[in-house]
Amino acid sequence: MIKNTFLLIVLCLFSLSGFSQEKKESPYETNFVKDGIWITSAVGLNVLGVKIIQDKDELSLNDLNNLSKDDIWGVDRWAAGYYSEQANDDSYIPFYASFVMPFALLFNENERGNAGQISVLFVETMATTGALFTITAGLVEKSRPLVYNESLETEQRIDSDEQRSFFAGHTAATAAASFFAAKVFNDFNPDSPLKPLVWGIAAAVPASVGYMRIKAGKHFLTDNLIGYGVGAAAGILIPELHKKGNKNLQIYPTTSFNHGVYNFTTQGLALNYKF
């Protein structure tokens, strides 16, 4: 019921704007070569990141026994030991629903006439967010809150999948999708009275995912804040980068890190602005 109600609200918000506005030219411009390279590179980094995650070691019993809540930052300590299968399951409702938001844009004639271009930008946004998440989650050793729950089975607590708390991938992906939808709606419909509501929904959806991921014992507060920020930045900056006449802003993925057999040294996004 919650999921269906949420989807209905989103669809109504984006479709209503199409009845009162004339079809406009796209505010974006894409380049087959540049965007193709970007997407291909980002997908490649996703594959690499997943490989690093798969190669992560389990937590040793000695390290498990030495874990202490006192070693956790005060801002995160309160969540140590949280665990809820129900909260974990519930977090997937707004998570999956967020991916509908960009497609709901197509109910508006302005966006529907540029569906191909919007799709390219959306793939670019999600691939970039995914690359940043998978590589970071693979490289950073940080146990999830549930690992501190002594009532759980040892096998679950030491599992390698539970040693990648930083940063919150579900929150990042949800923020990327929802803020992308709001940004595109904003750029195609700059005079729409629905903009405050659309941005409000875009902000609330990933926040709800972050809250439930904490209750589930999957991430600490700071993991979610970083994930939220990374996703929101990608969702806003990538469409902004493609706006017509915006020649001063450049953003591109950089990868160079050193991790065992992986011959690199740092990774991230490079941002360049010409004054």
Protein backbone atom coordinates (compact mmCIF):
# COMPACT_ATOMS: atom_id res chain seq x y z
CA MET A 1 0.00 0.00 0.00
CA ILE A 2 2.79 2.45 0.94
CA LYS A 3 4.68 1.71 -2.26
CA ASN A 4 1.61 2.07 -4.48
CA THR A 5 0.61 5.35 -2.81
CA PHE A 6 4.11 6.75 -3.23
CA LEU A 7 4.22 5.84 -6.92
CA LEU A 8 0.81 7.39 -7.51
CA ILE A 9 1.91 10.68 -5.93
CA VAL A 10 5.11 10.79 -8.00
CA LEU A 11 3.31 10.02 -11.25
CA CYS A 12 0.68 12.68 -10.59
CA LEU A 13 3.24 15.35 -9.75
CA PHE A 14 5.20 14.90 -12.95
CA SER A 15 2.23 14.39 -15.25
CA LEU A 16 0.25 17.41 -14.05
CA SER A 17 2.90 19.85 -15.28
CA GLY A 18 2.46 18.65 -18.86
CA PHE A 19 -1.06 20.00 -19.19
CA SER A 20 -0.23 23.67 -18.76
CA GLN A 21 3.06 24.15 -20.57
CA GLU A 22 4.08 24.27 -24.19
CA LYS A 23 6.68 21.83 -25.41
CA LYS A 24 10.14 23.33 -25.04
CA GLU A 25 13.54 22.60 -26.49
CA SER A 26 15.80 20.50 -24.29
CA PRO A 27 18.04 22.54 -21.95
CA TYR A 28 20.74 19.88 -22.33
CA GLU A 29 23.24 18.87 -24.95
CA THR A 30 24.95 15.50 -25.16
CA ASN A 31 27.90 14.24 -27.16
CA PHE A 32 28.02 10.67 -28.44
CA VAL A 33 31.78 10.31 -28.01
CA LYS A 34 32.24 12.13 -24.70
CA ASP A 35 29.19 10.63 -23.02
CA GLY A 36 30.00 7.21 -24.46
CA ILE A 37 33.49 7.36 -22.94
CA TRP A 38 32.07 8.56 -19.62
CA ILE A 39 29.50 5.76 -19.40
CA THR A 40 31.93 3.08 -20.56
CA SER A 41 34.52 4.22 -18.01
CA ALA A 42 31.99 4.37 -15.20
CA VAL A 43 30.63 0.91 -16.01
CA GLY A 44 34.19 -0.42 -16.07
CA LEU A 45 34.83 1.08 -12.65
CA ASN A 46 31.63 -0.56 -11.39
CA VAL A 47 32.89 -3.94 -12.55
CA LEU A 48 36.24 -3.31 -10.88
CA GLY A 49 34.55 -2.15 -7.68
CA VAL A 50 32.34 -5.25 -7.54
CA LYS A 51 35.44 -7.40 -8.01
CA ILE A 52 37.18 -5.69 -5.10
CA ILE A 53 34.08 -6.17 -2.92
CA GLN A 54 33.94 -9.87 -3.81
CA ASP A 55 37.59 -10.24 -2.83
CA LYS A 56 37.14 -8.72 0.62
CA ASP A 57 38.14 -10.96 3.52
CA GLU A 58 35.91 -11.97 6.36
CA LEU A 59 36.48 -10.39 9.74
CA SER A 60 38.83 -12.56 11.79
CA LEU A 61 37.59 -13.92 15.10
CA ASN A 62 40.37 -12.02 16.84
CA ASP A 63 39.24 -8.73 15.27
CA LEU A 64 35.63 -9.56 16.09
CA ASN A 65 36.48 -10.12 19.74
CA ASN A 66 38.40 -6.85 19.82
CA LEU A 67 35.53 -4.78 18.43
CA SER A 68 34.33 -2.14 20.88
CA LYS A 69 31.59 0.42 20.62
CA ASP A 70 33.90 2.82 22.44
CA ASP A 71 36.09 2.96 19.32
CA ILE A 72 33.22 4.30 17.20
CA TRP A 73 32.73 8.03 16.66
CA GLY A 74 30.26 9.48 19.11
CA VAL A 75 27.94 10.59 16.31
CA ASP A 76 27.66 6.94 15.18
CA ARG A 77 28.02 5.00 18.42
CA TRP A 78 24.30 4.95 19.23
CA ALA A 79 23.58 2.79 16.16
CA ALA A 80 26.11 0.07 17.01
CA GLY A 81 24.28 -3.22 17.49
CA TYR A 82 21.16 -2.24 15.57
CA TYR A 83 19.59 -5.07 13.59
CA SER A 84 16.18 -5.48 11.96
CA GLU A 85 15.25 -7.71 9.04
CA GLN A 86 11.95 -5.84 8.72
CA ALA A 87 13.68 -2.48 8.40
CA ASN A 88 16.01 -3.98 5.82
CA ASP A 89 13.08 -5.27 3.76
CA ASP A 90 11.17 -1.99 4.12
CA SER A 91 14.15 0.04 2.90
CA TYR A 92 13.78 -1.52 -0.54
CA ILE A 93 10.34 0.04 -1.05
CA PRO A 94 11.52 3.68 -1.43
CA PHE A 95 14.81 2.40 -2.90
CA TYR A 96 13.12 0.74 -5.88
CA ALA A 97 10.42 3.41 -6.09
CA SER A 98 13.08 6.10 -6.57
CA PHE A 99 14.06 4.55 -9.90
CA VAL A 100 10.53 5.18 -11.17
CA MET A 101 10.85 8.94 -10.64
CA PRO A 102 13.01 9.68 -13.74
CA PHE A 103 10.66 7.60 -15.89
CA ALA A 104 7.68 9.48 -14.48
CA LEU A 105 9.16 12.55 -16.18
CA LEU A 106 8.08 11.06 -19.49
CA PHE A 107 4.44 11.81 -18.67
CA ASN A 108 5.33 15.42 -19.39
CA GLU A 109 5.49 16.25 -23.11
CA ASN A 110 8.61 18.39 -22.70
CA GLU A 111 10.61 15.52 -21.27
CA ARG A 112 8.98 12.79 -23.35
CA GLY A 113 10.22 14.41 -26.54
CA ASN A 114 13.77 14.11 -25.20
CA ALA A 115 13.50 10.66 -23.61
CA GLY A 116 16.66 9.35 -25.27
CA GLN A 117 18.79 12.22 -24.03
CA ILE A 118 17.37 12.01 -20.51
CA SER A 119 18.05 8.27 -20.48
CA VAL A 120 21.70 8.86 -21.36
CA LEU A 121 22.05 11.37 -18.52
CA PHE A 122 20.32 9.00 -16.09
CA VAL A 123 22.59 6.08 -16.99
CA GLU A 124 25.58 8.39 -16.63
CA THR A 125 24.37 9.53 -13.21
CA MET A 126 23.72 6.05 -11.84
CA ALA A 127 26.90 4.56 -13.31
CA THR A 128 28.97 7.32 -11.74
CA THR A 129 27.31 6.87 -8.36
CA GLY A 130 27.75 3.12 -8.59
CA ALA A 131 31.44 3.43 -9.44
CA LEU A 132 32.13 5.70 -6.48
CA PHE A 133 30.20 3.39 -4.16
CA THR A 134 31.57 0.01 -5.22
CA ILE A 135 35.21 1.07 -5.22
CA THR A 136 34.91 2.87 -1.89
CA ALA A 137 32.99 0.00 -0.27
CA GLY A 138 35.58 -2.43 -1.56
CA LEU A 139 38.58 -0.47 -0.30
CA VAL A 140 37.32 0.78 3.06
CA GLU A 141 37.26 -1.70 5.94
CA LYS A 142 34.38 -0.77 8.23
CA SER A 143 32.04 -3.19 9.97
CA ARG A 144 28.31 -2.60 9.82
CA PRO A 145 26.39 -1.77 13.02
CA LEU A 146 24.93 -5.27 13.17
CA VAL A 147 28.43 -6.72 13.60
CA TYR A 148 28.39 -5.23 17.11
CA ASN A 149 25.23 -7.18 17.97
CA GLU A 150 26.42 -10.08 20.11
CA SER A 151 23.08 -11.88 19.86
CA LEU A 152 23.67 -12.64 16.18
CA GLU A 153 25.46 -15.73 14.90
CA THR A 154 29.22 -15.37 14.60
CA GLU A 155 29.11 -16.48 10.97
CA GLN A 156 26.86 -13.57 10.11
CA ARG A 157 28.93 -11.03 12.03
CA ILE A 158 32.24 -11.98 10.38
CA ASP A 159 30.82 -12.31 6.85
CA SER A 160 32.74 -10.20 4.35
CA ASP A 161 29.53 -8.54 3.16
CA GLU A 162 29.07 -7.10 6.64
CA GLN A 163 32.46 -5.37 6.55
CA ARG A 164 31.53 -2.65 4.04
CA SER A 165 29.51 -0.15 5.99
CA PHE A 166 31.12 2.88 4.31
CA PHE A 167 29.41 4.34 2.50
CA ALA A 168 25.67 3.66 2.18
CA GLY A 169 25.05 2.44 -1.37
CA HIS A 170 21.27 2.21 -1.14
CA THR A 171 21.06 5.77 0.12
CA ALA A 172 23.47 7.00 -2.54
CA ALA A 173 21.61 5.33 -5.40
CA THR A 174 18.23 6.56 -4.14
CA ALA A 175 19.53 10.12 -3.77
CA ALA A 176 21.07 10.01 -7.25
CA ALA A 177 17.80 8.88 -8.86
CA SER A 178 15.49 11.21 -6.93
CA PHE A 179 17.65 14.33 -7.21
CA PHE A 180 18.27 13.60 -10.90
CA ALA A 181 14.51 13.52 -11.48
CA ALA A 182 14.03 16.77 -9.56
CA LYS A 183 16.89 18.48 -11.38
CA VAL A 184 15.63 17.48 -14.83
CA PHE A 185 12.09 18.51 -13.92
CA ASN A 186 13.44 21.84 -12.67
CA ASP A 187 15.41 22.50 -15.86
CA PHE A 188 12.59 21.56 -18.23
CA ASN A 189 9.93 23.36 -16.18
CA PRO A 190 11.63 26.37 -14.55
CA ASP A 191 8.32 28.15 -13.94
CA SER A 192 6.36 25.22 -12.55
CA PRO A 193 4.68 25.80 -9.17
CA LEU A 194 5.36 22.14 -8.38
CA LYS A 195 9.11 22.62 -8.06
CA PRO A 196 9.21 22.99 -4.23
CA LEU A 197 7.14 19.84 -3.83
CA VAL A 198 9.24 17.89 -6.33
CA TRP A 199 12.49 18.91 -4.60
CA GLY A 200 10.95 18.10 -1.23
CA ILE A 201 10.08 14.57 -2.35
CA ALA A 202 13.54 14.17 -3.87
CA ALA A 203 15.10 15.03 -0.52
CA ALA A 204 12.72 12.94 1.60
CA VAL A 205 12.92 9.64 -0.28
CA PRO A 206 16.67 8.95 0.23
CA ALA A 207 16.39 10.26 3.79
CA SER A 208 13.79 7.57 4.50
CA VAL A 209 16.06 4.93 2.99
CA GLY A 210 18.96 6.12 5.14
CA TYR A 211 16.84 5.95 8.29
CA MET A 212 15.75 2.39 7.57
CA ARG A 213 19.28 1.28 6.69
CA ILE A 214 20.39 2.49 10.13
CA LYS A 215 17.52 0.64 11.85
CA ALA A 216 18.42 -2.46 9.84
CA GLY A 217 21.97 -2.35 11.19
CA LYS A 218 23.46 -1.91 7.73
CA HIS A 219 24.97 1.58 8.08
CA PHE A 220 25.90 4.23 10.59
CA LEU A 221 24.69 7.82 10.38
CA THR A 222 27.89 9.12 8.76
CA ASP A 223 27.75 6.34 6.14
CA ASN A 224 24.31 7.56 5.13
CA LEU A 225 25.25 11.23 5.17
CA ILE A 226 28.16 10.57 2.80
CA GLY A 227 26.04 8.33 0.61
CA TYR A 228 23.27 10.92 0.51
CA GLY A 229 25.75 13.64 -0.45
CA VAL A 230 27.46 11.59 -3.17
CA GLY A 231 24.16 10.56 -4.75
CA ALA A 232 22.61 14.03 -4.57
CA ALA A 233 25.75 15.60 -6.04
CA ALA A 234 25.76 13.18 -8.97
CA GLY A 235 22.03 13.64 -9.58
CA ILE A 236 22.38 17.41 -9.75
CA LEU A 237 25.85 17.98 -11.20
CA ILE A 238 25.69 15.62 -14.18
CA PRO A 239 22.57 17.24 -15.69
CA GLU A 240 24.04 20.66 -14.83
CA LEU A 241 27.24 19.72 -16.64
CA HIS A 242 25.23 19.05 -19.80
CA LYS A 243 23.23 22.27 -19.76
CA LYS A 244 23.57 24.31 -22.92
CA GLY A 245 25.94 27.22 -22.60
CA ASN A 246 27.54 25.78 -19.46
CA LYS A 247 31.10 25.61 -20.74
CA ASN A 248 32.90 26.60 -17.56
CA LEU A 249 32.00 23.57 -15.47
CA GLN A 250 33.74 20.28 -16.16
CA ILE A 251 33.39 17.11 -14.14
CA TYR A 252 34.94 13.77 -14.98
CA PRO A 253 35.78 10.47 -13.27
CA THR A 254 39.34 9.83 -12.15
CA THR A 255 40.67 6.47 -11.05
CA SER A 256 44.09 5.81 -9.61
CA PHE A 257 44.46 3.68 -6.49
CA ASN A 258 46.74 0.96 -5.16
CA HIS A 259 45.11 -2.03 -3.49
CA GLY A 260 46.91 -5.35 -3.65
CA VAL A 261 46.74 -6.69 -7.19
CA TYR A 262 44.86 -3.57 -8.36
CA ASN A 263 47.45 -1.17 -9.71
CA PHE A 264 45.97 2.24 -8.88
CA THR A 265 46.46 4.92 -6.21
CA THR A 266 43.40 7.24 -5.89
CA GLN A 267 39.84 7.43 -7.21
CA GLY A 268 36.99 9.88 -7.41
CA LEU A 269 35.48 12.74 -9.41
CA ALA A 270 37.46 15.68 -10.69
CA LEU A 271 35.66 19.04 -10.75
CA ASN A 272 37.00 21.91 -12.82
CA TYR A 273 35.45 25.38 -13.06
CA LYS A 274 36.83 28.17 -15.22
CA PHE A 275 36.30 31.72 -13.99
